[in-house]
Amino acid sequence: MVFMVPPSWSADLRGATRSRASSAATDRPAAYTFDMREEPAATRWRDHGVRVIHGCDLDPNTPQTAGMNRAAAIDRARAGAQKLWAGTVTIHPNAKTGAHHHGELESVIYVVKGRARMRWGERLEFTAEAGPGDFIFVPPFVPHQEINASPEEPLDCVLVRSGSDPVVVNLDISPAERPEELWVDPAHPPQT
């Protein structure tokens, strides 16, 4: 039986246990496969199986934006994730982002506590609100703005993106309603 191995696993694991099956037979690159018979199951699954990242172990060393605090839970460095990023975000009371999109990435936001207001569209002309227990889906390239709808309470969310890189494209657009306070990710200047 042949299993996939993420490229983040050590070269020793990929090289020493590479399957003898050709990549044509499995439709997978040979570097991504290993043969279960060549490594004891207990070692393989203990070292390269399920990962639990406890809430107290989240990593705040991720790109930050004024008005919000992000912390990574699942990413390439912490869990070997190749195709997604997951973490938490706290948006301060009454804080708003500038207009932006996340390129080809899809985003899912789960509201844990507080009230989220999302604006989207070419001029941020569409609005929806979400509360605890609600999910928000943001498709690729959709111009949007996240807003904490409460002037007094923080907004706590879980965020999952379909890529491991922090893609943010800030946009210089004239919104239908100009935000009072605006914060823009300084690492990504606005594009028109």
C-alpha atoms as a PDB file:
ATOM      1  CA  MET A   1       0.000   0.000   0.000  1.00  0.00           C
ATOM      2  CA  VAL A   2       1.409   3.442  -0.946  1.00  0.00           C
ATOM      3  CA  PHE A   3       0.676   6.652   0.998  1.00  0.00           C
ATOM      4  CA  MET A   4       1.293  10.316   0.192  1.00  0.00           C
ATOM      5  CA  VAL A   5       4.069  12.161   2.046  1.00  0.00           C
ATOM      6  CA  PRO A   6       4.038  15.975   2.180  1.00  0.00           C
ATOM      7  CA  PRO A   7       7.183  17.664   0.850  1.00  0.00           C
ATOM      8  CA  SER A   8       7.726  19.151   4.321  1.00  0.00           C
ATOM      9  CA  TRP A   9       8.627  15.736   5.727  1.00  0.00           C
ATOM     10  CA  SER A  10      12.322  15.115   6.065  1.00  0.00           C
ATOM     11  CA  ALA A  11      14.388  14.108   3.043  1.00  0.00           C
ATOM     12  CA  ASP A  12      15.440  10.998   4.991  1.00  0.00           C
ATOM     13  CA  LEU A  13      11.841   9.858   5.273  1.00  0.00           C
ATOM     14  CA  ARG A  14      11.072  10.616   1.618  1.00  0.00           C
ATOM     15  CA  GLY A  15      14.300   9.168   0.227  1.00  0.00           C
ATOM     16  CA  ALA A  16      14.877   6.170   2.500  1.00  0.00           C
ATOM     17  CA  THR A  17      11.339   4.911   2.303  1.00  0.00           C
ATOM     18  CA  ARG A  18      10.415   5.842  -1.249  1.00  0.00           C
ATOM     19  CA  SER A  19       8.057   3.388  -2.852  1.00  0.00           C
ATOM     20  CA  ARG A  20       9.387   1.107  -5.549  1.00  0.00           C
ATOM     21  CA  ALA A  21       6.216   1.781  -7.512  1.00  0.00           C
ATOM     22  CA  SER A  22       6.707   4.220 -10.362  1.00  0.00           C
ATOM     23  CA  SER A  23       5.050   7.603 -10.164  1.00  0.00           C
ATOM     24  CA  ALA A  24       3.168   6.675 -13.351  1.00  0.00           C
ATOM     25  CA  ALA A  25       1.559   3.768 -11.514  1.00  0.00           C
ATOM     26  CA  THR A  26       0.336   6.008  -8.707  1.00  0.00           C
ATOM     27  CA  ASP A  27      -0.127   9.287 -10.643  1.00  0.00           C
ATOM     28  CA  ARG A  28       1.915  10.941  -7.873  1.00  0.00           C
ATOM     29  CA  PRO A  29       5.493  12.206  -7.839  1.00  0.00           C
ATOM     30  CA  ALA A  30       7.815   9.593  -6.358  1.00  0.00           C
ATOM     31  CA  ALA A  31       9.031  12.094  -3.728  1.00  0.00           C
ATOM     32  CA  TYR A  32       5.529  12.166  -2.255  1.00  0.00           C
ATOM     33  CA  THR A  33       5.162   8.447  -1.640  1.00  0.00           C
ATOM     34  CA  PHE A  34       6.451   5.934   0.861  1.00  0.00           C
ATOM     35  CA  ASP A  35       5.929   2.241   1.337  1.00  0.00           C
ATOM     36  CA  MET A  36       4.161   1.336   4.586  1.00  0.00           C
ATOM     37  CA  ARG A  37       6.172  -1.881   4.815  1.00  0.00           C
ATOM     38  CA  GLU A  38       9.459   0.033   5.206  1.00  0.00           C
ATOM     39  CA  GLU A  39       8.734   1.975   8.417  1.00  0.00           C
ATOM     40  CA  PRO A  40       7.091   0.699  11.612  1.00  0.00           C
ATOM     41  CA  ALA A  41       3.527   1.965  11.748  1.00  0.00           C
ATOM     42  CA  ALA A  42       3.823   3.165  15.350  1.00  0.00           C
ATOM     43  CA  THR A  43       6.780   5.413  14.488  1.00  0.00           C
ATOM     44  CA  ARG A  44       5.318   6.641  11.211  1.00  0.00           C
ATOM     45  CA  TRP A  45       1.946   7.681  12.565  1.00  0.00           C
ATOM     46  CA  ARG A  46       3.311   8.980  15.884  1.00  0.00           C
ATOM     47  CA  ASP A  47       5.773  11.294  14.141  1.00  0.00           C
ATOM     48  CA  HIS A  48       3.798  12.170  11.013  1.00  0.00           C
ATOM     49  CA  GLY A  49       0.130  11.748  11.866  1.00  0.00           C
ATOM     50  CA  VAL A  50      -2.500  13.933  13.497  1.00  0.00           C
ATOM     51  CA  ARG A  51      -1.322  17.168  15.082  1.00  0.00           C
ATOM     52  CA  VAL A  52      -3.075  18.931  17.956  1.00  0.00           C
ATOM     53  CA  ILE A  53      -2.239  22.595  18.466  1.00  0.00           C
ATOM     54  CA  HIS A  54      -3.546  23.724  21.841  1.00  0.00           C
ATOM     55  CA  GLY A  55      -5.058  27.184  22.206  1.00  0.00           C
ATOM     56  CA  CYS A  56      -2.259  28.250  24.537  1.00  0.00           C
ATOM     57  CA  ASP A  57       0.312  27.308  21.845  1.00  0.00           C
ATOM     58  CA  LEU A  58      -0.902  29.532  18.993  1.00  0.00           C
ATOM     59  CA  ASP A  59       1.824  31.543  17.244  1.00  0.00           C
ATOM     60  CA  PRO A  60       1.354  35.338  17.134  1.00  0.00           C
ATOM     61  CA  ASN A  61       4.418  35.646  14.854  1.00  0.00           C
ATOM     62  CA  THR A  62       2.270  36.052  11.758  1.00  0.00           C
ATOM     63  CA  PRO A  63       1.629  39.223   9.713  1.00  0.00           C
ATOM     64  CA  GLN A  64      -0.340  41.626  11.903  1.00  0.00           C
ATOM     65  CA  THR A  65      -2.581  44.546  11.040  1.00  0.00           C
ATOM     66  CA  ALA A  66      -3.462  47.443  13.328  1.00  0.00           C
ATOM     67  CA  GLY A  67      -6.835  46.844  14.980  1.00  0.00           C
ATOM     68  CA  MET A  68      -6.564  43.073  14.983  1.00  0.00           C
ATOM     69  CA  ASN A  69      -4.500  40.265  16.473  1.00  0.00           C
ATOM     70  CA  ARG A  70      -3.858  37.092  14.468  1.00  0.00           C
ATOM     71  CA  ALA A  71      -2.361  33.859  15.760  1.00  0.00           C
ATOM     72  CA  ALA A  72      -1.444  30.860  13.613  1.00  0.00           C
ATOM     73  CA  ALA A  73      -2.534  27.392  14.637  1.00  0.00           C
ATOM     74  CA  ILE A  74      -2.006  25.353  11.464  1.00  0.00           C
ATOM     75  CA  ASP A  75       0.568  26.429   8.888  1.00  0.00           C
ATOM     76  CA  ARG A  76       3.578  25.090   7.028  1.00  0.00           C
ATOM     77  CA  ALA A  77       6.067  25.721   9.841  1.00  0.00           C
ATOM     78  CA  ARG A  78       3.957  24.462  12.756  1.00  0.00           C
ATOM     79  CA  ALA A  79       2.112  21.492  11.283  1.00  0.00           C
ATOM     80  CA  GLY A  80       3.521  20.884   7.813  1.00  0.00           C
ATOM     81  CA  ALA A  81       0.302  22.108   6.161  1.00  0.00           C
ATOM     82  CA  GLN A  82       0.863  22.712   2.453  1.00  0.00           C
ATOM     83  CA  LYS A  83      -2.542  23.847   1.244  1.00  0.00           C
ATOM     84  CA  LEU A  84      -4.118  25.810   4.077  1.00  0.00           C
ATOM     85  CA  TRP A  85      -3.604  28.211   6.943  1.00  0.00           C
ATOM     86  CA  ALA A  86      -5.782  28.212  10.061  1.00  0.00           C
ATOM     87  CA  GLY A  87      -5.698  30.407  13.103  1.00  0.00           C
ATOM     88  CA  THR A  88      -7.559  32.892  15.223  1.00  0.00           C
ATOM     89  CA  VAL A  89      -8.194  36.582  14.816  1.00  0.00           C
ATOM     90  CA  THR A  90      -9.467  39.107  17.339  1.00  0.00           C
ATOM     91  CA  ILE A  91     -10.753  42.345  15.848  1.00  0.00           C
ATOM     92  CA  HIS A  92     -10.800  45.219  18.301  1.00  0.00           C
ATOM     93  CA  PRO A  93     -14.049  47.070  19.063  1.00  0.00           C
ATOM     94  CA  ASN A  94     -15.214  49.292  16.177  1.00  0.00           C
ATOM     95  CA  ALA A  95     -12.176  48.359  14.028  1.00  0.00           C
ATOM     96  CA  LYS A  96     -12.416  48.039  10.249  1.00  0.00           C
ATOM     97  CA  THR A  97     -10.062  46.867   7.529  1.00  0.00           C
ATOM     98  CA  GLY A  98      -9.489  48.700   4.292  1.00  0.00           C
ATOM     99  CA  ALA A  99     -10.834  47.221   1.074  1.00  0.00           C
ATOM    100  CA  HIS A 100      -8.780  44.186   0.046  1.00  0.00           C
ATOM    101  CA  HIS A 101      -8.895  40.683  -1.401  1.00  0.00           C
ATOM    102  CA  HIS A 102      -6.840  37.530  -0.925  1.00  0.00           C
ATOM    103  CA  GLY A 103      -5.986  36.693  -4.536  1.00  0.00           C
ATOM    104  CA  GLU A 104      -6.764  33.097  -5.488  1.00  0.00           C
ATOM    105  CA  LEU A 105      -7.312  32.041  -1.878  1.00  0.00           C
ATOM    106  CA  GLU A 106     -10.677  31.047  -0.472  1.00  0.00           C
ATOM    107  CA  SER A 107     -11.349  32.085   3.124  1.00  0.00           C
ATOM    108  CA  VAL A 108     -13.705  30.760   5.763  1.00  0.00           C
ATOM    109  CA  ILE A 109     -14.385  32.748   8.923  1.00  0.00           C
ATOM    110  CA  TYR A 110     -16.175  31.189  11.906  1.00  0.00           C
ATOM    111  CA  VAL A 111     -17.509  33.723  14.398  1.00  0.00           C
ATOM    112  CA  VAL A 112     -16.834  32.583  17.967  1.00  0.00           C
ATOM    113  CA  LYS A 113     -17.833  35.735  19.854  1.00  0.00           C
ATOM    114  CA  GLY A 114     -19.061  39.168  18.859  1.00  0.00           C
ATOM    115  CA  ARG A 115     -20.703  40.590  15.744  1.00  0.00           C
ATOM    116  CA  ALA A 116     -19.004  40.669  12.321  1.00  0.00           C
ATOM    117  CA  ARG A 117     -20.093  42.958   9.506  1.00  0.00           C
ATOM    118  CA  MET A 118     -18.808  42.154   6.028  1.00  0.00           C
ATOM    119  CA  ARG A 119     -18.925  44.588   3.123  1.00  0.00           C
ATOM    120  CA  TRP A 120     -18.049  43.435  -0.383  1.00  0.00           C
ATOM    121  CA  GLY A 121     -18.349  44.368  -4.047  1.00  0.00           C
ATOM    122  CA  GLU A 122     -16.651  46.812  -6.420  1.00  0.00           C
ATOM    123  CA  ARG A 123     -17.568  49.684  -4.047  1.00  0.00           C
ATOM    124  CA  LEU A 124     -18.236  47.557  -0.934  1.00  0.00           C
ATOM    125  CA  GLU A 125     -21.915  48.133  -1.646  1.00  0.00           C
ATOM    126  CA  PHE A 126     -23.134  44.796  -0.239  1.00  0.00           C
ATOM    127  CA  THR A 127     -23.393  44.151   3.505  1.00  0.00           C
ATOM    128  CA  ALA A 128     -24.090  41.144   5.716  1.00  0.00           C
ATOM    129  CA  GLU A 129     -23.674  40.482   9.436  1.00  0.00           C
ATOM    130  CA  ALA A 130     -22.726  37.306  11.263  1.00  0.00           C
ATOM    131  CA  GLY A 131     -22.802  36.352  14.931  1.00  0.00           C
ATOM    132  CA  PRO A 132     -21.558  33.509  17.134  1.00  0.00           C
ATOM    133  CA  GLY A 133     -21.840  30.138  15.401  1.00  0.00           C
ATOM    134  CA  ASP A 134     -22.081  31.664  11.903  1.00  0.00           C
ATOM    135  CA  PHE A 135     -19.693  30.910   9.037  1.00  0.00           C
ATOM    136  CA  ILE A 136     -18.594  33.449   6.409  1.00  0.00           C
ATOM    137  CA  PHE A 137     -17.206  32.343   3.029  1.00  0.00           C
ATOM    138  CA  VAL A 138     -15.072  34.762   0.999  1.00  0.00           C
ATOM    139  CA  PRO A 139     -14.400  33.560  -2.578  1.00  0.00           C
ATOM    140  CA  PRO A 140     -11.157  34.346  -4.439  1.00  0.00           C
ATOM    141  CA  PHE A 141     -10.580  37.929  -5.645  1.00  0.00           C
ATOM    142  CA  VAL A 142     -13.737  39.343  -3.985  1.00  0.00           C
ATOM    143  CA  PRO A 143     -13.083  42.902  -2.745  1.00  0.00           C
ATOM    144  CA  HIS A 144     -14.231  43.010   0.868  1.00  0.00           C
ATOM    145  CA  GLN A 145     -13.908  44.710   4.228  1.00  0.00           C
ATOM    146  CA  GLU A 146     -14.143  43.151   7.681  1.00  0.00           C
ATOM    147  CA  ILE A 147     -15.747  45.234  10.411  1.00  0.00           C
ATOM    148  CA  ASN A 148     -16.310  44.638  14.100  1.00  0.00           C
ATOM    149  CA  ALA A 149     -19.914  45.775  14.333  1.00  0.00           C
ATOM    150  CA  SER A 150     -19.616  46.430  18.073  1.00  0.00           C
ATOM    151  CA  PRO A 151     -18.136  49.671  19.393  1.00  0.00           C
ATOM    152  CA  GLU A 152     -17.540  48.014  22.785  1.00  0.00           C
ATOM    153  CA  GLU A 153     -16.835  44.267  22.431  1.00  0.00           C
ATOM    154  CA  PRO A 154     -14.013  42.456  20.605  1.00  0.00           C
ATOM    155  CA  LEU A 155     -14.856  40.136  17.713  1.00  0.00           C
ATOM    156  CA  ASP A 156     -13.240  36.668  18.022  1.00  0.00           C
ATOM    157  CA  CYS A 157     -13.091  34.415  14.963  1.00  0.00           C
ATOM    158  CA  VAL A 158     -11.410  31.306  13.604  1.00  0.00           C
ATOM    159  CA  LEU A 159      -9.991  31.858  10.122  1.00  0.00           C
ATOM    160  CA  VAL A 160      -9.083  29.211   7.529  1.00  0.00           C
ATOM    161  CA  ARG A 161      -7.538  30.029   4.143  1.00  0.00           C
ATOM    162  CA  SER A 162      -6.921  27.703   1.212  1.00  0.00           C
ATOM    163  CA  GLY A 163      -3.211  28.547   1.004  1.00  0.00           C
ATOM    164  CA  SER A 164      -0.321  28.748   3.409  1.00  0.00           C
ATOM    165  CA  ASP A 165       1.015  32.142   2.277  1.00  0.00           C
ATOM    166  CA  PRO A 166      -0.445  35.410   3.695  1.00  0.00           C
ATOM    167  CA  VAL A 167      -1.862  36.901   0.487  1.00  0.00           C
ATOM    168  CA  VAL A 168      -3.437  40.333   0.976  1.00  0.00           C
ATOM    169  CA  VAL A 169      -4.023  42.737  -1.909  1.00  0.00           C
ATOM    170  CA  ASN A 170      -5.102  46.106  -0.519  1.00  0.00           C
ATOM    171  CA  LEU A 171      -7.340  48.066  -2.881  1.00  0.00           C
ATOM    172  CA  ASP A 172      -7.697  51.799  -3.330  1.00  0.00           C
ATOM    173  CA  ILE A 173     -11.407  51.972  -4.119  1.00  0.00           C
ATOM    174  CA  SER A 174     -14.089  54.464  -3.190  1.00  0.00           C
ATOM    175  CA  PRO A 175     -16.445  52.572  -0.914  1.00  0.00           C
ATOM    176  CA  ALA A 176     -20.158  53.242  -0.928  1.00  0.00           C
ATOM    177  CA  GLU A 177     -19.721  54.176   2.757  1.00  0.00           C
ATOM    178  CA  ARG A 178     -16.290  55.422   3.852  1.00  0.00           C
ATOM    179  CA  PRO A 179     -15.137  53.810   7.112  1.00  0.00           C
ATOM    180  CA  GLU A 180     -14.433  56.185   9.993  1.00  0.00           C
ATOM    181  CA  GLU A 181     -11.258  54.377  11.045  1.00  0.00           C
ATOM    182  CA  LEU A 182      -9.313  52.484   8.470  1.00  0.00           C
ATOM    183  CA  TRP A 183      -6.415  50.067   8.886  1.00  0.00           C
ATOM    184  CA  VAL A 184      -4.438  48.662   5.993  1.00  0.00           C
ATOM    185  CA  ASP A 185      -1.824  45.918   6.108  1.00  0.00           C
ATOM    186  CA  PRO A 186       1.433  47.911   5.778  1.00  0.00           C
ATOM    187  CA  ALA A 187       3.227  44.988   4.138  1.00  0.00           C
ATOM    188  CA  HIS A 188       0.924  45.197   1.097  1.00  0.00           C
ATOM    189  CA  PRO A 189       0.428  48.742  -0.314  1.00  0.00           C
ATOM    190  CA  PRO A 190      -2.937  49.530  -1.946  1.00  0.00           C
ATOM    191  CA  GLN A 191      -3.395  48.778  -5.652  1.00  0.00           C
ATOM    192  CA  THR A 192      -5.760  50.673  -7.918  1.00  0.00           C
END
